[in-house]
Protein backbone atom coordinates (compact mmCIF):
# COMPACT_ATOMS: atom_id res chain seq x y z
CA UNK A 1 12.66 -60.88 40.42
CA UNK A 2 14.20 -59.58 37.21
CA UNK A 3 13.76 -62.97 35.62
CA UNK A 4 10.06 -63.02 36.60
CA UNK A 5 9.51 -59.53 35.06
CA UNK A 6 11.32 -60.53 31.89
CA UNK A 7 9.10 -63.62 31.51
CA UNK A 8 5.97 -61.48 32.00
CA UNK A 9 7.25 -58.92 29.50
CA UNK A 10 7.93 -61.71 27.00
CA UNK A 11 4.40 -63.06 27.52
CA UNK A 12 2.95 -59.55 27.07
CA UNK A 13 5.04 -59.00 23.94
CA UNK A 14 3.88 -62.35 22.50
CA UNK A 15 0.23 -61.51 23.30
CA UNK A 16 0.65 -58.07 21.69
CA UNK A 17 2.26 -59.56 18.57
CA UNK A 18 -0.48 -62.19 18.34
CA UNK A 19 -3.20 -59.55 18.71
CA UNK A 20 -1.47 -57.31 16.16
CA UNK A 21 -1.19 -60.14 13.59
CA UNK A 22 -4.84 -61.05 14.18
CA UNK A 23 -5.96 -57.41 13.73
CA UNK A 24 -3.78 -57.01 10.64
CA UNK A 25 -5.16 -60.21 9.10
CA UNK A 26 -8.72 -59.11 9.87
CA UNK A 27 -8.11 -55.69 8.29
CA UNK A 28 -6.56 -57.23 5.18
CA UNK A 29 -9.49 -59.64 4.84
CA UNK A 30 -11.95 -56.74 5.18
CA UNK A 31 -10.07 -54.72 2.54
CA UNK A 32 -9.94 -57.70 0.17
CA UNK A 33 -13.67 -58.30 0.64
CA UNK A 34 -14.46 -54.62 0.02
CA UNK A 35 -12.28 -54.60 -3.10
CA UNK A 36 -13.98 -57.77 -4.40
CA UNK A 37 -17.43 -56.24 -3.83
CA UNK A 38 -16.39 -53.04 -5.65
CA UNK A 39 -15.03 -55.06 -8.58
CA UNK A 40 -18.24 -57.09 -8.78
CA UNK A 41 -20.39 -53.97 -8.68
CA UNK A 42 -18.27 -52.26 -11.35
CA UNK A 43 -18.35 -55.30 -13.63
CA UNK A 44 -21.93 -56.46 -13.21
CA UNK A 45 -24.03 -53.44 -12.25
CA UNK A 46 -22.19 -50.15 -12.87
CA UNK A 47 -19.32 -50.69 -15.33
CA UNK A 48 -16.76 -47.89 -15.63
CA UNK A 49 -15.16 -46.89 -18.94
CA UNK A 50 -12.69 -44.32 -20.20
CA UNK A 51 -13.70 -42.37 -23.31
CA UNK A 52 -11.02 -43.07 -25.92
CA UNK A 53 -12.10 -41.09 -28.97
CA UNK A 54 -13.68 -37.82 -29.99
CA UNK A 55 -16.85 -39.18 -31.62
CA UNK A 56 -19.08 -38.09 -28.71
CA UNK A 57 -17.82 -34.50 -28.43
CA UNK A 58 -18.98 -32.09 -27.15
CA UNK A 59 -21.01 -34.33 -24.79
CA UNK A 60 -18.08 -36.56 -23.81
CA UNK A 61 -14.41 -35.74 -24.25
CA UNK A 62 -11.47 -38.07 -24.80
CA UNK A 63 -9.99 -39.13 -21.46
CA UNK A 64 -13.15 -38.71 -19.38
CA UNK A 65 -14.26 -41.64 -17.25
CA UNK A 66 -17.94 -42.57 -17.32
CA UNK A 67 -20.23 -44.85 -15.34
CA UNK A 68 -22.84 -47.10 -16.98
CA UNK A 69 -26.01 -48.63 -15.58
CA UNK A 70 -26.58 -52.17 -16.84
CA UNK A 71 -30.14 -52.32 -15.54
CA UNK A 72 -31.44 -49.21 -17.32
CA UNK A 73 -34.07 -49.46 -20.02
CA UNK A 74 -32.50 -48.11 -23.23
CA UNK A 75 -34.52 -45.51 -25.13
CA UNK A 76 -34.00 -42.99 -27.92
CA UNK A 77 -31.60 -40.20 -27.01
CA UNK A 78 -29.71 -42.30 -24.42
CA UNK A 79 -25.96 -42.70 -24.65
CA UNK A 80 -24.92 -46.33 -24.48
CA UNK A 81 -21.72 -48.34 -24.20
CA UNK A 82 -21.54 -51.50 -26.29
CA UNK A 83 -19.11 -54.10 -27.55
CA UNK A 84 -17.97 -53.96 -31.18
CA UNK A 85 -15.04 -56.05 -32.42
CA UNK A 86 -13.78 -56.63 -28.85
CA UNK A 87 -13.77 -52.88 -28.16
CA UNK A 88 -16.14 -50.76 -26.12
CA UNK A 89 -17.78 -47.97 -28.11
CA UNK A 90 -19.96 -45.17 -26.76
CA UNK A 91 -22.69 -43.67 -28.98
CA UNK A 92 -26.16 -42.10 -28.78
CA UNK A 93 -29.31 -44.11 -29.58
CA UNK A 94 -31.16 -42.51 -32.49
CA UNK A 95 -33.67 -45.24 -33.29
CA UNK A 96 -34.97 -48.57 -32.01
CA UNK A 97 -36.65 -51.60 -33.62
CA UNK A 98 -38.97 -50.62 -36.47
CA UNK A 99 -38.02 -46.92 -36.54
CA UNK A 100 -37.35 -45.37 -39.94
CA UNK A 101 -34.20 -43.25 -40.05
CA UNK A 102 -33.52 -40.76 -42.83
CA UNK A 103 -30.41 -38.60 -42.96
CA UNK A 104 -30.41 -35.76 -45.47
CA UNK A 105 -27.33 -34.65 -47.40
CA UNK A 106 -26.80 -31.75 -44.98
CA UNK A 107 -26.73 -34.17 -42.00
CA UNK A 108 -30.25 -33.46 -40.72
CA UNK A 109 -31.66 -36.62 -39.09
CA UNK A 110 -35.31 -37.54 -39.46
CA UNK A 111 -36.90 -40.19 -37.28
CA UNK A 112 -40.17 -41.64 -38.57
CA UNK A 113 -40.64 -38.61 -40.83
CA UNK A 114 -39.96 -35.99 -38.13
CA UNK A 115 -36.79 -33.91 -37.94
CA UNK A 116 -34.89 -34.64 -34.72
CA UNK A 117 -34.06 -31.80 -32.35
CA UNK A 118 -30.41 -32.51 -31.55
CA UNK A 119 -28.97 -29.77 -29.31
CA UNK A 120 -26.04 -32.05 -28.44
CA UNK A 121 -24.72 -31.92 -32.04
CA UNK A 122 -22.53 -28.90 -32.77
CA UNK A 123 -22.18 -29.42 -36.55
CA UNK A 124 -24.51 -31.51 -38.73
CA UNK A 125 -22.76 -33.82 -41.18
CA UNK A 126 -23.62 -36.91 -43.20
CA UNK A 127 -20.26 -38.36 -42.09
CA UNK A 128 -19.05 -41.82 -43.02
CA UNK A 129 -22.15 -43.36 -44.53
CA UNK A 130 -22.48 -46.39 -46.81
CA UNK A 131 -26.11 -47.39 -46.17
CA UNK A 132 -29.21 -46.28 -48.09
CA UNK A 133 -31.90 -44.06 -46.61
CA UNK A 134 -34.61 -44.24 -45.51
CA UNK A 135 -33.37 -47.08 -43.28
CA UNK A 136 -35.61 -49.25 -41.10
CA UNK A 137 -34.01 -50.41 -37.83
CA UNK A 138 -34.20 -54.24 -37.62
CA UNK A 139 -35.88 -56.09 -34.75
CA UNK A 140 -33.95 -56.11 -31.43
CA UNK A 141 -31.43 -53.59 -32.76
CA UNK A 142 -30.48 -49.98 -32.09
CA UNK A 143 -29.38 -47.33 -34.59
CA UNK A 144 -26.63 -45.28 -32.93
CA UNK A 145 -24.63 -42.21 -33.89
CA UNK A 146 -21.84 -40.21 -32.33
CA UNK A 147 -22.48 -36.57 -31.43
CA UNK A 148 -19.45 -35.49 -33.52
CA UNK A 149 -21.13 -36.51 -36.78
CA UNK A 150 -18.27 -35.78 -39.18
CA UNK A 151 -15.78 -38.15 -37.47
CA UNK A 152 -17.97 -40.79 -35.82
CA UNK A 153 -18.09 -44.27 -37.32
CA UNK A 154 -21.47 -45.61 -36.23
CA UNK A 155 -24.68 -47.20 -37.56
CA UNK A 156 -24.41 -45.10 -40.73
CA UNK A 157 -21.57 -47.41 -41.72
CA UNK A 158 -21.81 -51.14 -42.34
CA UNK A 159 -18.52 -51.40 -40.43
CA UNK A 160 -20.55 -50.92 -37.22
CA UNK A 161 -24.18 -51.25 -38.29
CA UNK A 162 -27.09 -51.46 -35.89
CA UNK A 163 -26.30 -52.65 -32.38
CA UNK A 164 -27.86 -55.86 -31.08
CA UNK A 165 -29.30 -55.93 -27.58
CA UNK A 166 -26.83 -58.58 -26.40
CA UNK A 167 -23.87 -56.32 -27.24
CA UNK A 168 -25.12 -53.43 -25.12
CA UNK A 169 -23.25 -52.99 -21.84
CA UNK A 170 -25.51 -50.28 -20.45
CA UNK A 171 -26.67 -46.71 -20.43
CA UNK A 172 -23.91 -44.13 -19.84
CA UNK A 173 -25.27 -41.75 -17.24
CA UNK A 174 -22.49 -40.21 -15.14
CA UNK A 175 -19.11 -38.58 -15.77
CA UNK A 176 -16.84 -39.42 -12.82
CA UNK A 177 -13.43 -38.14 -13.92
CA UNK A 178 -11.81 -35.78 -14.17
CA UNK A 179 -13.50 -34.25 -11.14
CA UNK A 180 -13.94 -30.93 -12.99
CA UNK A 181 -16.34 -32.67 -15.40
CA UNK A 182 -18.20 -34.74 -12.78
CA UNK A 183 -21.95 -34.88 -13.33
CA UNK A 184 -24.95 -36.52 -14.96
CA UNK A 185 -24.95 -36.96 -18.71
CA UNK A 186 -28.00 -35.72 -20.57
């Protein structure tokens, strides 16, 4: 009788182990699939980036993590992420194809002859600038500037220049980390 119980217990243990391994494998496959979907979404629809410099202060601070939307239509005033020399830069769109940009010596920006209202800029500055004004934005390009005008290297410099459409990753629209700074970006 003891031998019969031991055989049944062994069979039950084997069934339990088999069921456990099957459940574990299924869970791991589900987790791997979920992780793959998240990676695909982050890379192809909503890329995530960490702000590495201070050129967008006070709007974005160094160390914050932001979310982009690749499918957004880019317009003036939007903050965009783009590739430049194998790096990701984040700047604000000031002008698009055909716009005429003029920056005065005091840092005041004029777009098509009208002074821009820029509440996101704390201190106006001409900054690093080696182009001549007035400047007409070329076709399929974007003129971008950082919000911290005195330190930002952007379209005012030939080192960066105007950004081509194919280099744009997407519109930066949400701060996700740290949690204390979570929220939409205006």
